[in-house]
Amino acid sequence: MFTGIVQETGTVEKIERGKKSIGLTVLAGTVARGLKIGDSVAVNGCCLTSVKISARGKSKLIQFDVLQESWRLTNLQFAKRGSLVNLERPLRADGEFGGHFVTGHIDGVGKITRWEKSGTDHVLEIAAPKNVMRYVILKGSIAVDGISLTVAGVGKKSFCVWIIPHTLAVTALRERKIGGAVNLEADLLGKYAEKFLTGK
């Protein structure tokens, strides 16, 4: 379980394509401290398991095995060497809950349709699949590339969020452009509420 508070951006160092899985190696600093093989890390909001850890100076290289399906259904498929990715370690039982419940299970990939500066902030509009939009509500929470954000506007096929300078500076959003893909995870509470009320 994560909270959508990105701890740092890592850099993609290597991508090795295999028949059953894809080896993704990321260079990380803060997130790698105390990390053990078998531990989970949210990479652009996608929960992955560390399978190999090696030192590189003050940082560490973390290798993940990404299933072909996870690769195909997330924006990791567009990653290349040098790409920035958002990183977050799981929530500790005694930790501070600063965002919202984020599982690390991506519901769909959205497309950036608007990305512009407004004063000192930025407005980000994302076209999202129907299975994500059904849970998007005004002032509700949504995870975009693993970042816990508050929904500022809702349309039929898209939604808007505001990005403050701090969020832009410490996440991989600073690399995103119009037309780019972002991982989306709808609010878990909305999914449970639907299940209980409809029996689906």
N, C-alpha and C. Protein backbone atom coordinates (compact mmCIF):
# COMPACT_ATOMS: atom_id res chain seq x y z
N MET A 1 0.84 -1.19 0.00
CA MET A 1 0.00 0.00 0.00
C MET A 1 0.88 1.25 0.00
N PHE A 2 0.51 2.21 -0.84
CA PHE A 2 1.26 3.46 -0.95
C PHE A 2 0.32 4.62 -0.67
N THR A 3 0.87 5.83 -0.66
CA THR A 3 0.02 7.00 -0.40
C THR A 3 0.06 8.03 -1.52
N GLY A 4 0.90 7.81 -2.53
CA GLY A 4 0.98 8.75 -3.63
C GLY A 4 1.86 9.95 -3.36
N ILE A 5 2.68 9.88 -2.30
CA ILE A 5 3.65 10.94 -2.02
C ILE A 5 5.01 10.47 -2.55
N VAL A 6 5.36 10.95 -3.73
CA VAL A 6 6.60 10.52 -4.39
C VAL A 6 7.81 10.94 -3.57
N GLN A 7 8.71 9.99 -3.32
CA GLN A 7 9.88 10.27 -2.50
C GLN A 7 11.06 10.80 -3.30
N GLU A 8 11.12 10.40 -4.56
CA GLU A 8 12.19 10.91 -5.44
C GLU A 8 11.93 10.43 -6.86
N THR A 9 12.67 10.99 -7.80
CA THR A 9 12.65 10.47 -9.17
C THR A 9 13.91 9.65 -9.37
N GLY A 10 13.74 8.48 -9.96
CA GLY A 10 14.87 7.64 -10.33
C GLY A 10 15.10 7.76 -11.82
N THR A 11 16.23 7.24 -12.28
CA THR A 11 16.56 7.29 -13.70
C THR A 11 16.66 5.89 -14.26
N VAL A 12 15.99 5.64 -15.37
CA VAL A 12 16.06 4.34 -16.02
C VAL A 12 17.46 4.14 -16.59
N GLU A 13 18.09 3.06 -16.16
CA GLU A 13 19.46 2.77 -16.60
C GLU A 13 19.52 1.69 -17.67
N LYS A 14 18.60 0.73 -17.58
CA LYS A 14 18.66 -0.39 -18.52
C LYS A 14 17.28 -1.03 -18.67
N ILE A 15 16.98 -1.47 -19.90
CA ILE A 15 15.77 -2.21 -20.18
C ILE A 15 16.16 -3.46 -20.97
N GLU A 16 15.89 -4.63 -20.40
CA GLU A 16 16.24 -5.90 -21.03
C GLU A 16 14.97 -6.68 -21.32
N ARG A 17 14.67 -6.87 -22.57
CA ARG A 17 13.44 -7.55 -22.96
C ARG A 17 13.62 -9.06 -23.00
N GLY A 18 12.74 -9.77 -22.29
CA GLY A 18 12.74 -11.22 -22.30
C GLY A 18 11.41 -11.74 -22.82
N LYS A 19 11.27 -13.06 -22.93
CA LYS A 19 10.04 -13.65 -23.44
C LYS A 19 8.89 -13.53 -22.44
N LYS A 20 9.19 -13.74 -21.16
CA LYS A 20 8.14 -13.72 -20.14
C LYS A 20 8.08 -12.42 -19.35
N SER A 21 9.22 -11.75 -19.24
CA SER A 21 9.25 -10.51 -18.47
C SER A 21 10.30 -9.57 -19.04
N ILE A 22 10.29 -8.35 -18.52
CA ILE A 22 11.24 -7.33 -18.96
C ILE A 22 12.01 -6.84 -17.76
N GLY A 23 13.32 -6.85 -17.85
CA GLY A 23 14.17 -6.38 -16.76
C GLY A 23 14.30 -4.86 -16.84
N LEU A 24 13.86 -4.19 -15.78
CA LEU A 24 13.93 -2.73 -15.71
C LEU A 24 14.87 -2.35 -14.58
N THR A 25 15.95 -1.66 -14.89
CA THR A 25 16.91 -1.24 -13.88
C THR A 25 16.85 0.27 -13.70
N VAL A 26 16.69 0.69 -12.45
CA VAL A 26 16.52 2.10 -12.12
C VAL A 26 17.59 2.54 -11.12
N LEU A 27 18.19 3.69 -11.36
CA LEU A 27 19.15 4.27 -10.43
C LEU A 27 18.40 5.12 -9.42
N ALA A 28 18.58 4.83 -8.14
CA ALA A 28 17.84 5.54 -7.09
C ALA A 28 18.75 5.86 -5.92
N GLY A 29 18.34 6.85 -5.14
CA GLY A 29 19.11 7.26 -3.96
C GLY A 29 18.34 7.00 -2.69
N THR A 30 17.46 7.93 -2.33
CA THR A 30 16.68 7.85 -1.09
C THR A 30 15.88 6.56 -0.98
N VAL A 31 15.18 6.20 -2.02
CA VAL A 31 14.32 5.02 -1.99
C VAL A 31 15.11 3.73 -1.81
N ALA A 32 16.36 3.74 -2.26
CA ALA A 32 17.18 2.52 -2.19
C ALA A 32 17.76 2.26 -0.80
N ARG A 33 17.73 3.25 0.07
CA ARG A 33 18.31 3.08 1.40
C ARG A 33 17.52 2.06 2.20
N GLY A 34 18.18 1.00 2.61
CA GLY A 34 17.53 -0.04 3.39
C GLY A 34 16.68 -0.99 2.57
N LEU A 35 16.62 -0.79 1.26
CA LEU A 35 15.81 -1.64 0.40
C LEU A 35 16.44 -3.03 0.30
N LYS A 36 15.61 -4.07 0.36
CA LYS A 36 16.07 -5.45 0.27
C LYS A 36 15.42 -6.12 -0.93
N ILE A 37 16.05 -7.20 -1.38
CA ILE A 37 15.47 -7.99 -2.46
C ILE A 37 14.13 -8.54 -1.99
N GLY A 38 13.12 -8.38 -2.81
CA GLY A 38 11.78 -8.82 -2.45
C GLY A 38 10.89 -7.69 -1.97
N ASP A 39 11.48 -6.52 -1.70
CA ASP A 39 10.69 -5.37 -1.27
C ASP A 39 9.97 -4.74 -2.46
N SER A 40 8.86 -4.07 -2.16
CA SER A 40 8.07 -3.41 -3.19
C SER A 40 8.45 -1.95 -3.34
N VAL A 41 8.36 -1.46 -4.56
CA VAL A 41 8.57 -0.05 -4.88
C VAL A 41 7.54 0.34 -5.93
N ALA A 42 6.90 1.49 -5.75
CA ALA A 42 6.00 2.00 -6.78
C ALA A 42 6.84 2.77 -7.79
N VAL A 43 6.81 2.33 -9.04
CA VAL A 43 7.55 2.97 -10.13
C VAL A 43 6.51 3.57 -11.09
N ASN A 44 6.42 4.90 -11.13
CA ASN A 44 5.34 5.58 -11.86
C ASN A 44 3.98 5.06 -11.41
N GLY A 45 3.90 4.72 -10.13
CA GLY A 45 2.64 4.26 -9.57
C GLY A 45 2.38 2.78 -9.71
N CYS A 46 3.25 2.07 -10.40
CA CYS A 46 3.09 0.63 -10.63
C CYS A 46 3.91 -0.13 -9.58
N CYS A 47 3.25 -0.96 -8.79
CA CYS A 47 3.93 -1.71 -7.73
C CYS A 47 4.79 -2.81 -8.34
N LEU A 48 6.11 -2.71 -8.12
CA LEU A 48 7.06 -3.69 -8.64
C LEU A 48 7.90 -4.25 -7.50
N THR A 49 8.46 -5.43 -7.71
CA THR A 49 9.29 -6.10 -6.70
C THR A 49 10.76 -6.02 -7.09
N SER A 50 11.59 -5.61 -6.16
CA SER A 50 13.03 -5.53 -6.43
C SER A 50 13.61 -6.94 -6.43
N VAL A 51 14.35 -7.27 -7.49
CA VAL A 51 14.93 -8.61 -7.60
C VAL A 51 16.46 -8.60 -7.54
N LYS A 52 17.04 -7.42 -7.69
CA LYS A 52 18.50 -7.30 -7.61
C LYS A 52 18.86 -5.88 -7.24
N ILE A 53 19.81 -5.73 -6.32
CA ILE A 53 20.24 -4.39 -5.87
C ILE A 53 21.75 -4.35 -5.87
N SER A 54 22.32 -3.33 -6.48
CA SER A 54 23.77 -3.19 -6.50
C SER A 54 24.14 -1.73 -6.30
N ALA A 55 25.31 -1.50 -5.70
CA ALA A 55 25.75 -0.14 -5.39
C ALA A 55 26.36 0.54 -6.61
N ARG A 56 26.12 1.84 -6.70
CA ARG A 56 26.81 2.69 -7.68
C ARG A 56 27.06 4.02 -6.99
N GLY A 57 28.25 4.17 -6.44
CA GLY A 57 28.59 5.36 -5.68
C GLY A 57 27.69 5.49 -4.47
N LYS A 58 27.08 6.66 -4.27
CA LYS A 58 26.17 6.87 -3.16
C LYS A 58 24.75 6.40 -3.47
N SER A 59 24.53 6.03 -4.73
CA SER A 59 23.21 5.55 -5.14
C SER A 59 23.24 4.04 -5.33
N LYS A 60 22.09 3.49 -5.74
CA LYS A 60 22.01 2.05 -6.00
C LYS A 60 21.20 1.79 -7.26
N LEU A 61 21.55 0.69 -7.90
CA LEU A 61 20.79 0.22 -9.06
C LEU A 61 19.80 -0.82 -8.57
N ILE A 62 18.52 -0.60 -8.86
CA ILE A 62 17.47 -1.53 -8.46
C ILE A 62 16.90 -2.17 -9.72
N GLN A 63 16.92 -3.50 -9.75
CA GLN A 63 16.36 -4.19 -10.91
C GLN A 63 15.00 -4.78 -10.56
N PHE A 64 14.06 -4.62 -11.50
CA PHE A 64 12.71 -5.16 -11.36
C PHE A 64 12.42 -6.06 -12.55
N ASP A 65 11.66 -7.13 -12.31
CA ASP A 65 11.15 -7.96 -13.41
C ASP A 65 9.71 -7.54 -13.65
N VAL A 66 9.44 -6.96 -14.80
CA VAL A 66 8.11 -6.47 -15.13
C VAL A 66 7.43 -7.46 -16.07
N LEU A 67 6.27 -7.97 -15.67
CA LEU A 67 5.52 -8.89 -16.53
C LEU A 67 5.14 -8.20 -17.84
N GLN A 68 5.07 -8.98 -18.90
CA GLN A 68 4.72 -8.43 -20.21
C GLN A 68 3.39 -7.68 -20.15
N GLU A 69 2.42 -8.22 -19.40
CA GLU A 69 1.12 -7.56 -19.30
C GLU A 69 1.23 -6.21 -18.60
N SER A 70 2.01 -6.16 -17.51
CA SER A 70 2.21 -4.90 -16.79
C SER A 70 2.90 -3.88 -17.68
N TRP A 71 3.85 -4.35 -18.47
CA TRP A 71 4.57 -3.47 -19.39
C TRP A 71 3.62 -2.90 -20.45
N ARG A 72 2.77 -3.77 -20.97
CA ARG A 72 1.85 -3.38 -22.05
C ARG A 72 0.75 -2.45 -21.55
N LEU A 73 0.32 -2.60 -20.29
CA LEU A 73 -0.81 -1.84 -19.77
C LEU A 73 -0.42 -0.60 -18.98
N THR A 74 0.87 -0.26 -18.97
CA THR A 74 1.33 0.94 -18.25
C THR A 74 2.22 1.78 -19.17
N ASN A 75 2.55 2.99 -18.72
CA ASN A 75 3.42 3.83 -19.54
C ASN A 75 4.89 3.45 -19.42
N LEU A 76 5.19 2.38 -18.68
CA LEU A 76 6.57 1.89 -18.63
C LEU A 76 7.01 1.43 -20.02
N GLN A 77 6.06 1.07 -20.85
CA GLN A 77 6.37 0.62 -22.21
C GLN A 77 7.05 1.73 -23.03
N PHE A 78 6.88 2.98 -22.61
CA PHE A 78 7.47 4.10 -23.34
C PHE A 78 8.80 4.57 -22.71
N ALA A 79 9.20 3.91 -21.64
CA ALA A 79 10.44 4.31 -20.96
C ALA A 79 11.65 3.97 -21.82
N LYS A 80 12.68 4.76 -21.65
CA LYS A 80 13.94 4.50 -22.34
C LYS A 80 15.08 4.89 -21.40
N ARG A 81 16.27 4.55 -21.76
CA ARG A 81 17.42 4.87 -20.92
C ARG A 81 17.49 6.38 -20.71
N GLY A 82 17.55 6.80 -19.45
CA GLY A 82 17.61 8.21 -19.12
C GLY A 82 16.28 8.79 -18.70
N SER A 83 15.19 8.06 -18.92
CA SER A 83 13.86 8.54 -18.52
C SER A 83 13.76 8.63 -17.00
N LEU A 84 13.03 9.65 -16.53
CA LEU A 84 12.77 9.77 -15.11
C LEU A 84 11.52 8.99 -14.75
N VAL A 85 11.54 8.35 -13.57
CA VAL A 85 10.36 7.63 -13.08
C VAL A 85 10.14 8.03 -11.62
N ASN A 86 8.86 8.13 -11.23
CA ASN A 86 8.52 8.44 -9.84
C ASN A 86 8.68 7.20 -8.97
N LEU A 87 9.28 7.39 -7.81
CA LEU A 87 9.52 6.26 -6.90
C LEU A 87 8.93 6.52 -5.53
N GLU A 88 8.33 5.47 -4.96
CA GLU A 88 7.79 5.55 -3.60
C GLU A 88 7.89 4.19 -2.93
N ARG A 89 8.36 4.17 -1.69
CA ARG A 89 8.35 2.94 -0.89
C ARG A 89 6.98 2.77 -0.26
N PRO A 90 6.61 1.55 0.11
CA PRO A 90 5.29 1.32 0.73
C PRO A 90 5.14 2.08 2.04
N LEU A 91 3.89 2.32 2.41
CA LEU A 91 3.56 3.01 3.66
C LEU A 91 3.90 2.14 4.86
N ARG A 92 4.62 2.70 5.81
CA ARG A 92 4.89 2.01 7.08
C ARG A 92 3.69 2.16 8.00
N ALA A 93 3.49 1.18 8.85
CA ALA A 93 2.36 1.22 9.78
C ALA A 93 2.43 2.44 10.70
N ASP A 94 3.66 2.89 10.99
CA ASP A 94 3.83 4.05 11.87
C ASP A 94 4.18 5.31 11.09
N GLY A 95 3.94 5.26 9.76
CA GLY A 95 4.31 6.39 8.92
C GLY A 95 3.21 7.43 8.81
N GLU A 96 3.57 8.57 8.20
CA GLU A 96 2.62 9.66 8.01
C GLU A 96 1.81 9.42 6.74
N PHE A 97 0.50 9.53 6.85
CA PHE A 97 -0.37 9.32 5.70
C PHE A 97 -0.65 10.67 5.04
N GLY A 98 0.13 11.00 4.01
CA GLY A 98 0.04 12.33 3.43
C GLY A 98 -0.80 12.44 2.17
N GLY A 99 -1.14 11.31 1.53
CA GLY A 99 -1.90 11.37 0.28
C GLY A 99 -3.23 10.66 0.41
N HIS A 100 -3.41 9.56 -0.35
CA HIS A 100 -4.61 8.74 -0.22
C HIS A 100 -4.22 7.28 -0.46
N PHE A 101 -5.17 6.36 -0.29
CA PHE A 101 -4.87 4.95 -0.48
C PHE A 101 -4.53 4.66 -1.94
N VAL A 102 -3.29 4.22 -2.17
CA VAL A 102 -2.83 3.88 -3.52
C VAL A 102 -2.28 2.46 -3.48
N THR A 103 -2.82 1.58 -4.31
CA THR A 103 -2.42 0.17 -4.26
C THR A 103 -1.22 -0.15 -5.15
N GLY A 104 -1.00 0.67 -6.17
CA GLY A 104 0.07 0.35 -7.11
C GLY A 104 -0.41 -0.54 -8.25
N HIS A 105 -1.75 -0.71 -8.35
CA HIS A 105 -2.34 -1.48 -9.44
C HIS A 105 -2.98 -0.51 -10.43
N ILE A 106 -2.35 -0.33 -11.57
CA ILE A 106 -2.77 0.67 -12.55
C ILE A 106 -4.09 0.27 -13.21
N ASP A 107 -5.03 1.22 -13.26
CA ASP A 107 -6.34 0.97 -13.87
C ASP A 107 -6.34 1.27 -15.36
N GLY A 108 -5.47 2.14 -15.80
CA GLY A 108 -5.43 2.49 -17.22
C GLY A 108 -4.40 3.57 -17.49
N VAL A 109 -4.16 3.81 -18.76
CA VAL A 109 -3.20 4.83 -19.18
C VAL A 109 -3.97 6.00 -19.76
N GLY A 110 -3.67 7.20 -19.27
CA GLY A 110 -4.31 8.40 -19.77
C GLY A 110 -3.39 9.15 -20.73
N LYS A 111 -3.95 10.11 -21.45
CA LYS A 111 -3.19 10.90 -22.41
C LYS A 111 -3.29 12.37 -22.04
N ILE A 112 -2.15 13.05 -21.95
CA ILE A 112 -2.14 14.46 -21.61
C ILE A 112 -2.66 15.28 -22.80
N THR A 113 -3.74 16.04 -22.56
CA THR A 113 -4.33 16.85 -23.63
C THR A 113 -4.13 18.35 -23.39
N ARG A 114 -3.78 18.70 -22.18
CA ARG A 114 -3.51 20.11 -21.85
C ARG A 114 -2.45 20.14 -20.76
N TRP A 115 -1.45 20.98 -20.95
CA TRP A 115 -0.33 21.05 -20.00
C TRP A 115 0.25 22.45 -20.12
N GLU A 116 -0.27 23.35 -19.30
CA GLU A 116 0.13 24.74 -19.45
C GLU A 116 0.29 25.44 -18.10
N LYS A 117 1.09 26.47 -18.12
CA LYS A 117 1.35 27.23 -16.90
C LYS A 117 0.22 28.21 -16.64
N SER A 118 -0.14 28.36 -15.37
CA SER A 118 -1.16 29.32 -14.95
C SER A 118 -0.66 29.99 -13.67
N GLY A 119 -0.11 31.18 -13.82
CA GLY A 119 0.53 31.84 -12.68
C GLY A 119 1.80 31.08 -12.32
N THR A 120 1.94 30.71 -11.07
CA THR A 120 3.11 29.93 -10.66
C THR A 120 2.85 28.43 -10.74
N ASP A 121 1.60 28.05 -11.02
CA ASP A 121 1.23 26.63 -11.07
C ASP A 121 1.06 26.17 -12.52
N HIS A 122 0.70 24.90 -12.67
CA HIS A 122 0.41 24.33 -13.99
C HIS A 122 -0.93 23.63 -13.96
N VAL A 123 -1.63 23.65 -15.09
CA VAL A 123 -2.88 22.93 -15.24
C VAL A 123 -2.60 21.72 -16.13
N LEU A 124 -3.01 20.55 -15.64
CA LEU A 124 -2.80 19.31 -16.38
C LEU A 124 -4.16 18.67 -16.65
N GLU A 125 -4.49 18.51 -17.94
CA GLU A 125 -5.74 17.83 -18.31
C GLU A 125 -5.40 16.49 -18.94
N ILE A 126 -6.11 15.46 -18.51
CA ILE A 126 -5.82 14.11 -18.95
C ILE A 126 -7.08 13.43 -19.48
N ALA A 127 -7.00 12.93 -20.70
CA ALA A 127 -8.07 12.10 -21.26
C ALA A 127 -7.89 10.70 -20.70
N ALA A 128 -8.96 10.15 -20.11
CA ALA A 128 -8.85 8.87 -19.41
C ALA A 128 -9.85 7.86 -19.94
N PRO A 129 -9.55 6.56 -19.80
CA PRO A 129 -10.49 5.51 -20.22
C PRO A 129 -11.77 5.54 -19.39
N LYS A 130 -12.85 4.97 -19.92
CA LYS A 130 -14.13 4.96 -19.23
C LYS A 130 -14.05 4.29 -17.86
N ASN A 131 -13.26 3.21 -17.77
CA ASN A 131 -13.18 2.48 -16.51
C ASN A 131 -12.49 3.29 -15.41
N VAL A 132 -11.80 4.36 -15.79
CA VAL A 132 -11.19 5.26 -14.80
C VAL A 132 -12.12 6.43 -14.54
N MET A 133 -12.69 7.01 -15.60
CA MET A 133 -13.55 8.19 -15.46
C MET A 133 -14.76 7.93 -14.57
N ARG A 134 -15.24 6.71 -14.52
CA ARG A 134 -16.43 6.41 -13.71
C ARG A 134 -16.19 6.66 -12.22
N TYR A 135 -14.92 6.69 -11.81
CA TYR A 135 -14.59 6.90 -10.40
C TYR A 135 -14.04 8.31 -10.11
N VAL A 136 -13.93 9.13 -11.15
CA VAL A 136 -13.35 10.46 -10.98
C VAL A 136 -14.45 11.44 -10.56
N ILE A 137 -14.26 12.08 -9.40
CA ILE A 137 -15.22 13.06 -8.90
C ILE A 137 -14.50 14.35 -8.54
N LEU A 138 -15.20 15.47 -8.64
CA LEU A 138 -14.63 16.77 -8.30
C LEU A 138 -14.17 16.78 -6.85
N LYS A 139 -12.96 17.23 -6.63
CA LYS A 139 -12.32 17.30 -5.32
C LYS A 139 -11.94 15.93 -4.76
N GLY A 140 -12.12 14.89 -5.59
CA GLY A 140 -11.71 13.55 -5.18
C GLY A 140 -10.23 13.35 -5.44
N SER A 141 -9.73 12.17 -5.12
CA SER A 141 -8.32 11.86 -5.30
C SER A 141 -8.10 10.91 -6.48
N ILE A 142 -6.96 11.07 -7.12
CA ILE A 142 -6.55 10.16 -8.19
C ILE A 142 -5.03 10.12 -8.21
N ALA A 143 -4.48 8.96 -8.56
CA ALA A 143 -3.03 8.82 -8.66
C ALA A 143 -2.63 8.92 -10.13
N VAL A 144 -1.76 9.88 -10.44
CA VAL A 144 -1.25 10.09 -11.79
C VAL A 144 0.25 9.81 -11.76
N ASP A 145 0.66 8.73 -12.43
CA ASP A 145 2.06 8.29 -12.35
C ASP A 145 2.49 8.11 -10.90
N GLY A 146 1.54 7.66 -10.08
CA GLY A 146 1.84 7.40 -8.67
C GLY A 146 1.77 8.61 -7.78
N ILE A 147 1.39 9.77 -8.32
CA ILE A 147 1.30 11.01 -7.53
C ILE A 147 -0.14 11.22 -7.07
N SER A 148 -0.34 11.38 -5.78
CA SER A 148 -1.67 11.65 -5.25
C SER A 148 -2.06 13.08 -5.58
N LEU A 149 -3.11 13.24 -6.38
CA LEU A 149 -3.55 14.57 -6.80
C LEU A 149 -5.05 14.74 -6.56
N THR A 150 -5.47 16.00 -6.42
CA THR A 150 -6.88 16.32 -6.21
C THR A 150 -7.50 16.75 -7.53
N VAL A 151 -8.62 16.16 -7.87
CA VAL A 151 -9.32 16.47 -9.12
C VAL A 151 -9.92 17.87 -9.04
N ALA A 152 -9.55 18.73 -10.01
CA ALA A 152 -10.02 20.12 -10.01
C ALA A 152 -11.14 20.36 -11.01
N GLY A 153 -11.33 19.44 -11.95
CA GLY A 153 -12.38 19.59 -12.94
C GLY A 153 -12.64 18.26 -13.60
N VAL A 154 -13.91 17.99 -13.95
CA VAL A 154 -14.29 16.71 -14.55
C VAL A 154 -15.12 16.94 -15.80
N GLY A 155 -14.71 16.34 -16.91
CA GLY A 155 -15.48 16.37 -18.15
C GLY A 155 -16.01 14.99 -18.45
N LYS A 156 -16.56 14.79 -19.65
CA LYS A 156 -17.10 13.49 -20.03
C LYS A 156 -15.99 12.45 -20.24
N LYS A 157 -14.88 12.91 -20.81
CA LYS A 157 -13.82 11.97 -21.15
C LYS A 157 -12.47 12.36 -20.57
N SER A 158 -12.44 13.42 -19.77
CA SER A 158 -11.16 13.88 -19.23
C SER A 158 -11.37 14.57 -17.88
N PHE A 159 -10.27 14.80 -17.20
CA PHE A 159 -10.30 15.52 -15.93
C PHE A 159 -9.07 16.42 -15.83
N CYS A 160 -9.13 17.40 -14.93
CA CYS A 160 -8.02 18.33 -14.74
C CYS A 160 -7.50 18.27 -13.30
N VAL A 161 -6.22 18.50 -13.16
CA VAL A 161 -5.60 18.64 -11.84
C VAL A 161 -4.65 19.84 -11.90
N TRP A 162 -4.42 20.45 -10.75
CA TRP A 162 -3.46 21.55 -10.65
C TRP A 162 -2.15 21.00 -10.10
N ILE A 163 -1.05 21.47 -10.67
CA ILE A 163 0.27 21.03 -10.23
C ILE A 163 1.02 22.22 -9.65
N ILE A 164 1.35 22.15 -8.37
CA ILE A 164 2.09 23.23 -7.73
C ILE A 164 3.58 23.11 -8.08
N PRO A 165 4.36 24.19 -7.94
CA PRO A 165 5.78 24.17 -8.31
C PRO A 165 6.57 23.05 -7.63
N HIS A 166 6.27 22.76 -6.37
CA HIS A 166 7.01 21.71 -5.66
C HIS A 166 6.80 20.35 -6.31
N THR A 167 5.55 20.03 -6.63
CA THR A 167 5.25 18.74 -7.26
C THR A 167 5.93 18.62 -8.61
N LEU A 168 5.92 19.72 -9.37
CA LEU A 168 6.57 19.71 -10.67
C LEU A 168 8.08 19.48 -10.53
N ALA A 169 8.67 20.08 -9.51
CA ALA A 169 10.12 20.01 -9.33
C ALA A 169 10.61 18.65 -8.85
N VAL A 170 9.79 17.93 -8.07
CA VAL A 170 10.27 16.69 -7.46
C VAL A 170 9.71 15.42 -8.10
N THR A 171 8.95 15.55 -9.18
CA THR A 171 8.40 14.37 -9.85
C THR A 171 8.77 14.36 -11.33
N ALA A 172 8.47 13.24 -11.97
CA ALA A 172 8.77 13.09 -13.39
C ALA A 172 7.81 13.88 -14.28
N LEU A 173 6.83 14.57 -13.69
CA LEU A 173 5.94 15.40 -14.49
C LEU A 173 6.70 16.47 -15.25
N ARG A 174 7.86 16.86 -14.74
CA ARG A 174 8.64 17.90 -15.42
C ARG A 174 9.13 17.44 -16.80
N GLU A 175 9.04 16.14 -17.08
CA GLU A 175 9.41 15.62 -18.40
C GLU A 175 8.20 15.43 -19.32
N ARG A 176 7.01 15.49 -18.76
CA ARG A 176 5.81 15.18 -19.54
C ARG A 176 5.44 16.30 -20.52
N LYS A 177 4.86 15.89 -21.63
CA LYS A 177 4.43 16.83 -22.66
C LYS A 177 3.04 16.46 -23.16
N ILE A 178 2.40 17.37 -23.88
CA ILE A 178 1.09 17.07 -24.46
C ILE A 178 1.21 15.86 -25.38
N GLY A 179 0.28 14.94 -25.22
CA GLY A 179 0.32 13.70 -25.99
C GLY A 179 0.98 12.56 -25.25
N GLY A 180 1.64 12.88 -24.13
CA GLY A 180 2.34 11.87 -23.36
C GLY A 180 1.38 10.99 -22.57
N ALA A 181 1.85 9.80 -22.22
CA ALA A 181 1.04 8.83 -21.48
C ALA A 181 1.36 8.88 -19.99
N VAL A 182 0.32 8.75 -19.17
CA VAL A 182 0.49 8.72 -17.72
C VAL A 182 -0.32 7.56 -17.14
N ASN A 183 0.23 6.93 -16.12
CA ASN A 183 -0.47 5.85 -15.44
C ASN A 183 -1.54 6.42 -14.52
N LEU A 184 -2.70 5.79 -14.51
CA LEU A 184 -3.81 6.25 -13.69
C LEU A 184 -4.30 5.15 -12.77
N GLU A 185 -4.51 5.50 -11.51
CA GLU A 185 -5.17 4.60 -10.56
C GLU A 185 -6.28 5.37 -9.87
N ALA A 186 -7.50 4.90 -10.06
CA ALA A 186 -8.66 5.55 -9.44
C ALA A 186 -8.68 5.28 -7.94
N ASP A 187 -9.44 6.09 -7.23
CA ASP A 187 -9.53 5.98 -5.78
C ASP A 187 -10.12 4.63 -5.38
N LEU A 188 -9.39 3.90 -4.56
CA LEU A 188 -9.81 2.57 -4.11
C LEU A 188 -11.15 2.60 -3.38
N LEU A 189 -11.41 3.66 -2.62
CA LEU A 189 -12.65 3.75 -1.86
C LEU A 189 -13.87 3.79 -2.78
N GLY A 190 -13.72 4.44 -3.93
CA GLY A 190 -14.81 4.50 -4.89
C GLY A 190 -15.13 3.12 -5.46
N LYS A 191 -14.11 2.32 -5.68
CA LYS A 191 -14.31 0.97 -6.22
C LYS A 191 -15.06 0.10 -5.21
N TYR A 192 -14.67 0.20 -3.95
CA TYR A 192 -15.34 -0.59 -2.91
C TYR A 192 -16.79 -0.13 -2.74
N ALA A 193 -17.01 1.18 -2.77
CA ALA A 193 -18.36 1.71 -2.62
C ALA A 193 -19.26 1.18 -3.74
N GLU A 194 -18.76 1.18 -4.96
CA GLU A 194 -19.53 0.66 -6.10
C GLU A 194 -19.84 -0.82 -5.89
N LYS A 195 -18.85 -1.58 -5.44
CA LYS A 195 -19.03 -3.01 -5.23
C LYS A 195 -20.13 -3.29 -4.20
N PHE A 196 -20.09 -2.56 -3.10
CA PHE A 196 -21.06 -2.78 -2.04
C PHE A 196 -22.47 -2.35 -2.45
N LEU A 197 -22.56 -1.27 -3.23
CA LEU A 197 -23.87 -0.72 -3.58
C LEU A 197 -24.53 -1.44 -4.76
N THR A 198 -23.71 -1.96 -5.67
CA THR A 198 -24.27 -2.58 -6.88
C THR A 198 -24.16 -4.10 -6.87
N GLY A 199 -23.25 -4.62 -6.05
CA GLY A 199 -23.05 -6.05 -6.01
C GLY A 199 -22.26 -6.59 -7.18
N LYS A 200 -21.66 -5.68 -7.98
CA LYS A 200 -20.88 -6.09 -9.14
C LYS A 200 -19.52 -6.64 -8.72
